[in-house]
């Protein structure tokens, strides 16, 4: 009995030993796989680090470009403000010049007593109406004579260099 027990024990030991060897081989294979995966992961992590670094560099370049564009925009806004103030000043000067010219033009108009004048009104037409009533002549005839008198006066003033 002891002989069979010994043989069984030896067989069990050999089975346990072969099982341990297969477990050990499996563990070695797993360790190699883990090591291989670890190396691959390190490579992937390095690639990601490089990509992150490139993205950061690109972001820094973009931020620098944005800052330069903002500076340029500020300069353009300042120039536009300056041009705006210059245009406002120029418009005020033009308005003043137009008012002055209108006043000068109004100074050359002939003014009559007891005739109410309104701006942009044809004074010649009003005077022709009044004169035609007084002289009892046709209004068109009076307008023709006023025009003829104006042309004669203008030519005389031009020839003799009068104002």
N, C-alpha and C. Protein backbone atom coordinates (compact mmCIF):
# COMPACT_ATOMS: atom_id res chain seq x y z
N UNK A 1 0.80 -1.16 0.00
CA UNK A 1 0.00 0.00 0.00
C UNK A 1 0.86 1.26 0.00
N UNK A 2 1.88 1.07 0.73
CA UNK A 2 2.75 2.22 0.75
C UNK A 2 3.35 2.48 -0.61
N UNK A 3 3.55 1.48 -1.35
CA UNK A 3 4.14 1.59 -2.68
C UNK A 3 3.20 2.31 -3.62
N UNK A 4 1.92 1.98 -3.57
CA UNK A 4 0.96 2.66 -4.43
C UNK A 4 0.75 4.08 -3.95
N UNK A 5 0.77 4.25 -2.64
CA UNK A 5 0.63 5.61 -2.13
C UNK A 5 1.81 6.45 -2.57
N UNK A 6 2.98 5.81 -2.52
CA UNK A 6 4.16 6.53 -2.94
C UNK A 6 4.05 6.87 -4.42
N UNK A 7 3.60 5.91 -5.18
CA UNK A 7 3.49 6.14 -6.61
C UNK A 7 2.43 7.21 -6.88
N UNK A 8 1.33 7.14 -6.16
CA UNK A 8 0.28 8.17 -6.31
C UNK A 8 0.82 9.53 -5.88
N UNK A 9 1.57 9.53 -4.80
CA UNK A 9 2.12 10.78 -4.31
C UNK A 9 3.11 11.33 -5.32
N UNK A 10 3.93 10.45 -5.90
CA UNK A 10 4.91 10.89 -6.89
C UNK A 10 4.16 11.39 -8.13
N UNK A 11 3.09 10.67 -8.53
CA UNK A 11 2.32 11.09 -9.69
C UNK A 11 1.66 12.44 -9.41
N UNK A 12 1.13 12.58 -8.19
CA UNK A 12 0.52 13.85 -7.81
C UNK A 12 1.58 14.96 -7.81
N UNK A 13 2.74 14.63 -7.31
CA UNK A 13 3.82 15.61 -7.27
C UNK A 13 4.21 16.00 -8.69
N UNK A 14 4.27 15.04 -9.57
CA UNK A 14 4.65 15.34 -10.95
C UNK A 14 3.56 16.18 -11.61
N UNK A 15 2.30 15.86 -11.30
CA UNK A 15 1.19 16.64 -11.84
C UNK A 15 1.24 18.06 -11.30
N UNK A 16 1.48 18.16 -9.99
CA UNK A 16 1.55 19.49 -9.37
C UNK A 16 2.74 20.25 -9.96
N UNK A 17 3.86 19.52 -10.16
CA UNK A 17 5.05 20.16 -10.68
C UNK A 17 4.80 20.61 -12.13
N UNK A 18 4.15 19.79 -12.95
CA UNK A 18 3.86 20.17 -14.33
C UNK A 18 2.86 21.34 -14.36
N UNK A 19 1.90 21.30 -13.42
CA UNK A 19 0.93 22.40 -13.33
C UNK A 19 1.66 23.69 -12.94
N UNK A 20 2.57 23.57 -11.96
CA UNK A 20 3.34 24.75 -11.54
C UNK A 20 4.19 25.27 -12.69
N UNK A 21 4.77 24.37 -13.46
CA UNK A 21 5.58 24.79 -14.60
C UNK A 21 4.71 25.50 -15.64
N UNK A 22 3.52 24.93 -15.92
CA UNK A 22 2.63 25.58 -16.90
C UNK A 22 2.16 26.94 -16.37
N UNK A 23 1.89 27.02 -15.04
CA UNK A 23 1.49 28.31 -14.44
C UNK A 23 2.64 29.31 -14.56
N UNK A 24 3.85 28.80 -14.29
CA UNK A 24 5.03 29.66 -14.36
C UNK A 24 5.23 30.16 -15.80
N UNK A 25 5.05 29.27 -16.79
CA UNK A 25 5.18 29.67 -18.19
C UNK A 25 4.11 30.69 -18.55
N UNK A 26 2.88 30.44 -18.07
CA UNK A 26 1.79 31.39 -18.32
C UNK A 26 2.10 32.74 -17.69
N UNK A 27 2.65 32.71 -16.47
CA UNK A 27 3.00 33.96 -15.79
C UNK A 27 4.09 34.70 -16.56
N UNK A 28 5.08 33.96 -17.08
CA UNK A 28 6.14 34.58 -17.87
C UNK A 28 5.56 35.22 -19.13
N UNK A 29 4.65 34.49 -19.81
CA UNK A 29 4.02 35.03 -21.01
C UNK A 29 3.22 36.29 -20.67
N UNK A 30 2.48 36.23 -19.54
CA UNK A 30 1.68 37.39 -19.11
C UNK A 30 2.59 38.57 -18.78
N UNK A 31 3.72 38.25 -18.12
CA UNK A 31 4.66 39.31 -17.77
C UNK A 31 5.23 39.94 -19.04
N UNK A 32 5.56 39.11 -20.04
CA UNK A 32 6.06 39.64 -21.31
C UNK A 32 5.00 40.49 -21.99
N UNK A 33 3.75 40.02 -21.96
CA UNK A 33 2.64 40.78 -22.56
C UNK A 33 2.45 42.11 -21.84
N UNK A 34 2.50 42.08 -20.51
CA UNK A 34 2.37 43.31 -19.72
C UNK A 34 3.51 44.27 -20.05
N UNK A 35 4.73 43.74 -20.13
CA UNK A 35 5.89 44.56 -20.45
C UNK A 35 5.74 45.17 -21.85
N UNK A 36 5.29 44.34 -22.80
CA UNK A 36 5.07 44.82 -24.17
C UNK A 36 4.00 45.92 -24.18
N UNK A 37 2.89 45.67 -23.48
CA UNK A 37 1.82 46.67 -23.39
C UNK A 37 2.32 47.94 -22.70
N UNK A 38 3.16 47.77 -21.70
CA UNK A 38 3.71 48.91 -20.97
C UNK A 38 4.57 49.77 -21.91
N UNK A 39 5.39 49.11 -22.72
CA UNK A 39 6.24 49.83 -23.68
C UNK A 39 5.37 50.55 -24.71
N UNK A 40 4.34 49.87 -25.20
CA UNK A 40 3.42 50.49 -26.17
C UNK A 40 2.70 51.69 -25.56
N UNK A 41 2.27 51.54 -24.29
CA UNK A 41 1.57 52.63 -23.61
C UNK A 41 2.50 53.82 -23.43
N UNK A 42 3.77 53.54 -23.08
CA UNK A 42 4.74 54.63 -22.94
C UNK A 42 4.90 55.36 -24.27
N UNK A 43 4.99 54.61 -25.35
CA UNK A 43 5.10 55.22 -26.69
C UNK A 43 3.87 56.07 -26.99
N UNK A 44 2.69 55.54 -26.70
CA UNK A 44 1.45 56.29 -26.93
C UNK A 44 1.41 57.55 -26.07
N UNK A 45 1.84 57.41 -24.81
CA UNK A 45 1.86 58.57 -23.91
C UNK A 45 2.83 59.62 -24.43
N UNK A 46 3.99 59.20 -24.92
CA UNK A 46 4.96 60.14 -25.49
C UNK A 46 4.38 60.85 -26.71
N UNK A 47 3.68 60.07 -27.56
CA UNK A 47 3.03 60.68 -28.73
C UNK A 47 2.00 61.72 -28.29
N UNK A 48 1.20 61.37 -27.28
CA UNK A 48 0.20 62.31 -26.76
C UNK A 48 0.86 63.55 -26.18
N UNK A 49 1.98 63.33 -25.45
CA UNK A 49 2.71 64.47 -24.90
C UNK A 49 3.20 65.39 -26.02
N UNK A 50 3.72 64.80 -27.09
CA UNK A 50 4.18 65.60 -28.23
C UNK A 50 3.02 66.37 -28.86
N UNK A 51 1.89 65.70 -29.00
CA UNK A 51 0.71 66.37 -29.58
C UNK A 51 0.24 67.51 -28.68
N UNK A 52 0.19 67.26 -27.39
CA UNK A 52 -0.22 68.31 -26.44
C UNK A 52 0.74 69.48 -26.52
N UNK A 53 2.03 69.19 -26.63
CA UNK A 53 3.04 70.24 -26.73
C UNK A 53 2.84 71.05 -28.02
N UNK A 54 2.57 70.35 -29.13
CA UNK A 54 2.32 71.05 -30.40
C UNK A 54 1.06 71.91 -30.30
N UNK A 55 0.03 71.39 -29.65
CA UNK A 55 -1.21 72.16 -29.48
C UNK A 55 -0.95 73.39 -28.63
N UNK A 56 -0.15 73.25 -27.58
CA UNK A 56 0.17 74.40 -26.73
C UNK A 56 0.96 75.44 -27.51
N UNK A 57 1.91 75.00 -28.33
CA UNK A 57 2.68 75.94 -29.15
C UNK A 57 1.77 76.66 -30.14
N UNK A 58 0.86 75.92 -30.75
CA UNK A 58 -0.08 76.52 -31.69
C UNK A 58 -0.97 77.53 -30.97
N UNK A 59 -1.42 77.18 -29.77
CA UNK A 59 -2.25 78.10 -28.99
C UNK A 59 -1.48 79.37 -28.66
N UNK A 60 -0.20 79.23 -28.29
CA UNK A 60 0.61 80.41 -27.98
C UNK A 60 0.77 81.29 -29.21
N UNK A 61 1.01 80.66 -30.37
CA UNK A 61 1.13 81.43 -31.61
C UNK A 61 -0.18 82.14 -31.92
N UNK A 62 -1.30 81.43 -31.75
CA UNK A 62 -2.61 82.04 -32.01
C UNK A 62 -2.88 83.19 -31.05
N UNK A 63 -2.51 83.02 -29.79
CA UNK A 63 -2.70 84.10 -28.81
C UNK A 63 -1.86 85.31 -29.19
N UNK A 64 -0.63 85.07 -29.66
CA UNK A 64 0.23 86.18 -30.09
C UNK A 64 -0.40 86.89 -31.30
N UNK A 65 -0.94 86.10 -32.24
CA UNK A 65 -1.60 86.69 -33.40
C UNK A 65 -2.82 87.50 -32.97
N UNK A 66 -3.59 86.95 -32.05
CA UNK A 66 -4.79 87.64 -31.55
C UNK A 66 -4.39 88.96 -30.90
N UNK A 67 -3.33 88.94 -30.11
CA UNK A 67 -2.87 90.17 -29.46
C UNK A 67 -2.43 91.20 -30.50
N UNK A 68 -1.71 90.75 -31.53
CA UNK A 68 -1.27 91.70 -32.56
C UNK A 68 -2.47 92.25 -33.33
N UNK A 69 -3.46 91.40 -33.58
CA UNK A 69 -4.67 91.87 -34.27
C UNK A 69 -5.43 92.86 -33.38
N UNK A 70 -5.48 92.59 -32.08
CA UNK A 70 -6.16 93.51 -31.16
C UNK A 70 -5.45 94.85 -31.13
N UNK A 71 -4.12 94.83 -31.14
CA UNK A 71 -3.36 96.09 -31.16
C UNK A 71 -3.66 96.83 -32.46
N UNK A 72 -3.64 96.10 -33.58
CA UNK A 72 -3.97 96.72 -34.86
C UNK A 72 -5.38 97.27 -34.87
N UNK A 73 -6.31 96.53 -34.29
CA UNK A 73 -7.70 96.98 -34.21
C UNK A 73 -7.81 98.24 -33.37
N UNK A 74 -7.09 98.28 -32.25
CA UNK A 74 -7.09 99.48 -31.42
C UNK A 74 -6.57 100.67 -32.20
N UNK A 75 -5.50 100.46 -32.98
CA UNK A 75 -4.95 101.55 -33.79
C UNK A 75 -5.96 102.01 -34.83
N UNK A 76 -6.65 101.06 -35.46
CA UNK A 76 -7.65 101.41 -36.46
C UNK A 76 -8.80 102.19 -35.81
N UNK A 77 -9.22 101.75 -34.63
CA UNK A 77 -10.31 102.44 -33.92
C UNK A 77 -9.88 103.87 -33.59
N UNK A 78 -8.63 104.03 -33.14
CA UNK A 78 -8.13 105.38 -32.84
C UNK A 78 -8.13 106.25 -34.09
N UNK A 79 -7.66 105.68 -35.21
CA UNK A 79 -7.64 106.44 -36.46
C UNK A 79 -9.05 106.80 -36.90
N UNK A 80 -9.98 105.87 -36.75
CA UNK A 80 -11.37 106.15 -37.13
C UNK A 80 -11.94 107.25 -36.24
N UNK A 81 -11.63 107.21 -34.95
CA UNK A 81 -12.09 108.26 -34.05
C UNK A 81 -11.52 109.61 -34.45
N UNK A 82 -10.22 109.63 -34.79
CA UNK A 82 -9.59 110.88 -35.22
C UNK A 82 -10.26 111.38 -36.50
N UNK A 83 -10.46 110.47 -37.46
CA UNK A 83 -11.12 110.87 -38.71
C UNK A 83 -12.54 111.36 -38.45
N UNK A 84 -13.22 110.72 -37.52
CA UNK A 84 -14.59 111.12 -37.18
C UNK A 84 -14.61 112.54 -36.62
N UNK A 85 -13.69 112.81 -35.69
CA UNK A 85 -13.65 114.17 -35.13
C UNK A 85 -13.26 115.19 -36.20
N UNK A 86 -12.33 114.79 -37.09
CA UNK A 86 -11.95 115.70 -38.17
C UNK A 86 -13.13 115.96 -39.10
N UNK A 87 -13.89 114.91 -39.39
CA UNK A 87 -15.06 115.07 -40.26
C UNK A 87 -16.12 115.95 -39.61
N UNK A 88 -16.31 115.78 -38.30
CA UNK A 88 -17.27 116.61 -37.59
C UNK A 88 -16.84 118.07 -37.65
N UNK A 89 -15.54 118.31 -37.40
CA UNK A 89 -15.02 119.68 -37.45
C UNK A 89 -15.16 120.23 -38.87
N UNK A 90 -14.84 119.41 -39.86
CA UNK A 90 -14.96 119.84 -41.25
C UNK A 90 -16.41 120.15 -41.61
N UNK A 91 -17.33 119.32 -41.15
CA UNK A 91 -18.76 119.57 -41.40
C UNK A 91 -19.22 120.86 -40.76
N UNK A 92 -18.74 121.13 -39.54
CA UNK A 92 -19.11 122.38 -38.88
C UNK A 92 -18.58 123.57 -39.66
N UNK A 93 -17.33 123.47 -40.15
CA UNK A 93 -16.76 124.56 -40.94
C UNK A 93 -17.56 124.75 -42.22
N UNK A 94 -17.94 123.62 -42.86
CA UNK A 94 -18.73 123.71 -44.09
C UNK A 94 -20.09 124.34 -43.83
N UNK A 95 -20.72 123.97 -42.73
CA UNK A 95 -22.02 124.56 -42.38
C UNK A 95 -21.88 126.06 -42.15
N UNK A 96 -20.82 126.44 -41.43
CA UNK A 96 -20.59 127.86 -41.18
C UNK A 96 -20.34 128.60 -42.50
N UNK A 97 -19.56 127.98 -43.40
CA UNK A 97 -19.29 128.61 -44.69
C UNK A 97 -20.57 128.74 -45.51
N UNK A 98 -21.41 127.71 -45.48
CA UNK A 98 -22.68 127.77 -46.22
C UNK A 98 -23.58 128.86 -45.65
N UNK A 99 -23.64 128.94 -44.33
CA UNK A 99 -24.46 129.99 -43.70
C UNK A 99 -23.93 131.36 -44.09
N UNK A 100 -22.61 131.51 -44.07
CA UNK A 100 -22.00 132.79 -44.43
C UNK A 100 -22.31 133.13 -45.89
N UNK A 101 -22.19 132.14 -46.79
CA UNK A 101 -22.49 132.38 -48.20
C UNK A 101 -23.96 132.73 -48.41
N UNK A 102 -24.85 132.07 -47.67
CA UNK A 102 -26.27 132.40 -47.78
C UNK A 102 -26.53 133.82 -47.28
N UNK A 103 -25.82 134.21 -46.23
CA UNK A 103 -25.98 135.58 -45.72
C UNK A 103 -25.45 136.58 -46.75
N UNK A 104 -24.32 136.27 -47.37
CA UNK A 104 -23.77 137.14 -48.41
C UNK A 104 -24.73 137.24 -49.59
N UNK A 105 -25.30 136.10 -49.97
CA UNK A 105 -26.24 136.07 -51.07
C UNK A 105 -27.48 136.90 -50.73
N UNK A 106 -27.95 136.76 -49.50
CA UNK A 106 -29.14 137.50 -49.07
C UNK A 106 -28.86 139.00 -49.03
N UNK A 107 -27.62 139.39 -48.79
CA UNK A 107 -27.28 140.81 -48.72
C UNK A 107 -27.41 141.46 -50.09
N UNK A 108 -27.27 140.70 -51.17
CA UNK A 108 -27.35 141.26 -52.52
C UNK A 108 -28.78 141.35 -53.05
N UNK A 109 -29.73 140.78 -52.33
CA UNK A 109 -31.11 140.87 -52.78
C UNK A 109 -31.62 142.30 -52.62
N UNK A 110 -32.51 142.66 -53.51
CA UNK A 110 -33.14 143.96 -53.45
C UNK A 110 -34.29 143.90 -52.45
N UNK A 111 -34.30 144.79 -51.50
CA UNK A 111 -35.36 144.78 -50.48
C UNK A 111 -36.31 145.95 -50.74
N UNK A 112 -37.58 145.67 -50.65
CA UNK A 112 -38.61 146.69 -50.87
C UNK A 112 -39.39 146.89 -49.59
N UNK A 113 -39.83 148.14 -49.38
CA UNK A 113 -40.63 148.42 -48.20
C UNK A 113 -42.03 147.85 -48.39
N UNK A 114 -42.60 147.42 -47.29
CA UNK A 114 -43.96 146.89 -47.23
C UNK A 114 -44.16 145.62 -48.07
N UNK A 115 -43.07 144.93 -48.44
CA UNK A 115 -43.17 143.64 -49.13
C UNK A 115 -42.61 142.58 -48.19
N UNK A 116 -43.48 141.65 -47.83
CA UNK A 116 -43.06 140.60 -46.90
C UNK A 116 -42.30 139.54 -47.69
N UNK A 117 -41.07 139.28 -47.25
CA UNK A 117 -40.22 138.30 -47.95
C UNK A 117 -40.16 137.01 -47.14
N UNK A 118 -40.15 135.93 -47.86
CA UNK A 118 -39.97 134.62 -47.24
C UNK A 118 -38.79 133.94 -47.91
N UNK A 119 -38.17 133.05 -47.20
CA UNK A 119 -37.00 132.36 -47.73
C UNK A 119 -37.41 131.50 -48.92
N UNK A 120 -36.53 131.42 -49.92
CA UNK A 120 -36.75 130.63 -51.13
C UNK A 120 -37.98 131.10 -51.92
N UNK A 121 -38.33 132.36 -51.79
CA UNK A 121 -39.48 132.90 -52.50
C UNK A 121 -38.97 133.69 -53.71
N UNK A 122 -39.69 133.64 -54.81
CA UNK A 122 -39.29 134.36 -56.02
C UNK A 122 -39.75 135.81 -55.91
N UNK A 123 -38.81 136.65 -55.49
CA UNK A 123 -39.12 138.06 -55.26
C UNK A 123 -39.45 138.76 -56.58
N UNK A 124 -38.79 138.35 -57.65
CA UNK A 124 -39.07 138.95 -58.96
C UNK A 124 -40.51 138.73 -59.38
N UNK A 125 -41.03 137.56 -59.11
CA UNK A 125 -42.41 137.24 -59.46
C UNK A 125 -43.38 138.11 -58.65
N UNK A 126 -43.10 138.27 -57.36
CA UNK A 126 -43.97 139.10 -56.50
C UNK A 126 -43.94 140.55 -56.97
N UNK A 127 -42.73 141.05 -57.28
CA UNK A 127 -42.61 142.44 -57.74
C UNK A 127 -43.31 142.62 -59.08
N UNK A 128 -43.22 141.62 -59.96
CA UNK A 128 -43.90 141.71 -61.26
C UNK A 128 -45.40 141.79 -61.06
N UNK A 129 -45.95 141.02 -60.11
CA UNK A 129 -47.38 141.10 -59.81
C UNK A 129 -47.75 142.50 -59.34
N UNK A 130 -46.98 143.04 -58.39
CA UNK A 130 -47.28 144.37 -57.85
C UNK A 130 -47.16 145.46 -58.92
N UNK A 131 -46.10 145.40 -59.71
CA UNK A 131 -45.88 146.43 -60.75
C UNK A 131 -46.95 146.33 -61.83
N UNK A 132 -47.31 145.10 -62.23
CA UNK A 132 -48.34 144.95 -63.27
C UNK A 132 -49.68 145.49 -62.79
N UNK A 133 -49.99 145.36 -61.49
CA UNK A 133 -51.23 145.92 -60.96
C UNK A 133 -51.19 147.45 -61.00
N UNK A 134 -50.06 148.02 -60.62
CA UNK A 134 -49.94 149.49 -60.57
C UNK A 134 -49.94 150.08 -61.97
N UNK A 135 -49.17 149.48 -62.88
CA UNK A 135 -49.07 150.03 -64.23
C UNK A 135 -50.17 149.52 -65.16
N UNK A 136 -50.93 148.57 -64.69
CA UNK A 136 -52.02 147.96 -65.46
C UNK A 136 -51.52 147.42 -66.80
N UNK A 137 -50.45 146.64 -66.67
CA UNK A 137 -49.87 145.99 -67.84
C UNK A 137 -49.80 144.49 -67.57
N UNK A 138 -49.51 143.75 -68.61
CA UNK A 138 -49.43 142.29 -68.50
C UNK A 138 -48.20 141.89 -67.66
N UNK A 139 -48.37 140.88 -66.84
CA UNK A 139 -47.30 140.42 -65.94
C UNK A 139 -46.09 139.92 -66.74
N UNK A 140 -46.33 139.23 -67.84
CA UNK A 140 -45.24 138.69 -68.66
C UNK A 140 -44.41 139.83 -69.25
N UNK A 141 -45.05 140.91 -69.64
CA UNK A 141 -44.35 142.08 -70.18
C UNK A 141 -43.42 142.67 -69.12
N UNK A 142 -43.91 142.76 -67.90
CA UNK A 142 -43.13 143.31 -66.79
C UNK A 142 -41.92 142.41 -66.51
N UNK A 143 -42.13 141.09 -66.49
CA UNK A 143 -41.03 140.14 -66.26
C UNK A 143 -39.96 140.27 -67.33
N UNK A 144 -40.36 140.45 -68.59
CA UNK A 144 -39.41 140.63 -69.69
C UNK A 144 -38.59 141.89 -69.49
N UNK A 145 -39.23 142.98 -69.09
CA UNK A 145 -38.52 144.24 -68.88
C UNK A 145 -37.57 144.14 -67.68
N UNK A 146 -37.98 143.44 -66.62
CA UNK A 146 -37.10 143.25 -65.45
C UNK A 146 -35.88 142.44 -65.86
N UNK A 147 -36.09 141.39 -66.65
CA UNK A 147 -34.98 140.56 -67.10
C UNK A 147 -34.03 141.36 -67.99
N UNK A 148 -34.57 142.16 -68.89
CA UNK A 148 -33.74 142.99 -69.77
C UNK A 148 -32.93 143.99 -68.96
N UNK A 149 -33.54 144.60 -67.97
CA UNK A 149 -32.84 145.56 -67.11
C UNK A 149 -31.72 144.86 -66.33
N UNK A 150 -32.00 143.67 -65.86
CA UNK A 150 -30.98 142.89 -65.12
C UNK A 150 -29.78 142.58 -66.02
N UNK A 151 -30.04 142.17 -67.26
CA UNK A 151 -28.94 141.85 -68.18
C UNK A 151 -28.12 143.09 -68.51
N UNK A 152 -28.77 144.21 -68.73
CA UNK A 152 -28.05 145.45 -69.03
C UNK A 152 -27.17 145.84 -67.84
N UNK A 153 -27.73 145.78 -66.63
CA UNK A 153 -26.98 146.13 -65.42
C UNK A 153 -25.79 145.19 -65.22
N UNK A 154 -25.99 143.90 -65.45
CA UNK A 154 -24.92 142.92 -65.27
C UNK A 154 -23.79 143.16 -66.27
N UNK A 155 -24.14 143.40 -67.53
CA UNK A 155 -23.11 143.67 -68.55
C UNK A 155 -22.35 144.95 -68.24
N UNK A 156 -23.04 145.98 -67.82
CA UNK A 156 -22.40 147.25 -67.47
C UNK A 156 -21.43 147.05 -66.29
N UNK A 157 -21.88 146.30 -65.28
CA UNK A 157 -21.04 146.06 -64.11
C UNK A 157 -19.81 145.23 -64.49
N UNK A 158 -19.97 144.30 -65.38
CA UNK A 158 -18.85 143.46 -65.80
C UNK A 158 -17.84 144.28 -66.61
N UNK A 159 -18.33 145.11 -67.54
CA UNK A 159 -17.45 145.93 -68.37
C UNK A 159 -16.67 146.93 -67.54
N UNK A 160 -17.32 147.52 -66.57
CA UNK A 160 -16.69 148.57 -65.76
C UNK A 160 -16.14 148.04 -64.43
N UNK A 161 -16.12 146.75 -64.29
CA UNK A 161 -15.59 146.07 -63.10
C UNK A 161 -16.19 146.62 -61.81
N UNK A 162 -17.49 146.61 -61.78
CA UNK A 162 -18.23 147.06 -60.60
C UNK A 162 -18.68 145.84 -59.80
N UNK A 163 -18.98 146.02 -58.52
CA UNK A 163 -19.43 144.87 -57.71
C UNK A 163 -20.82 144.40 -58.08
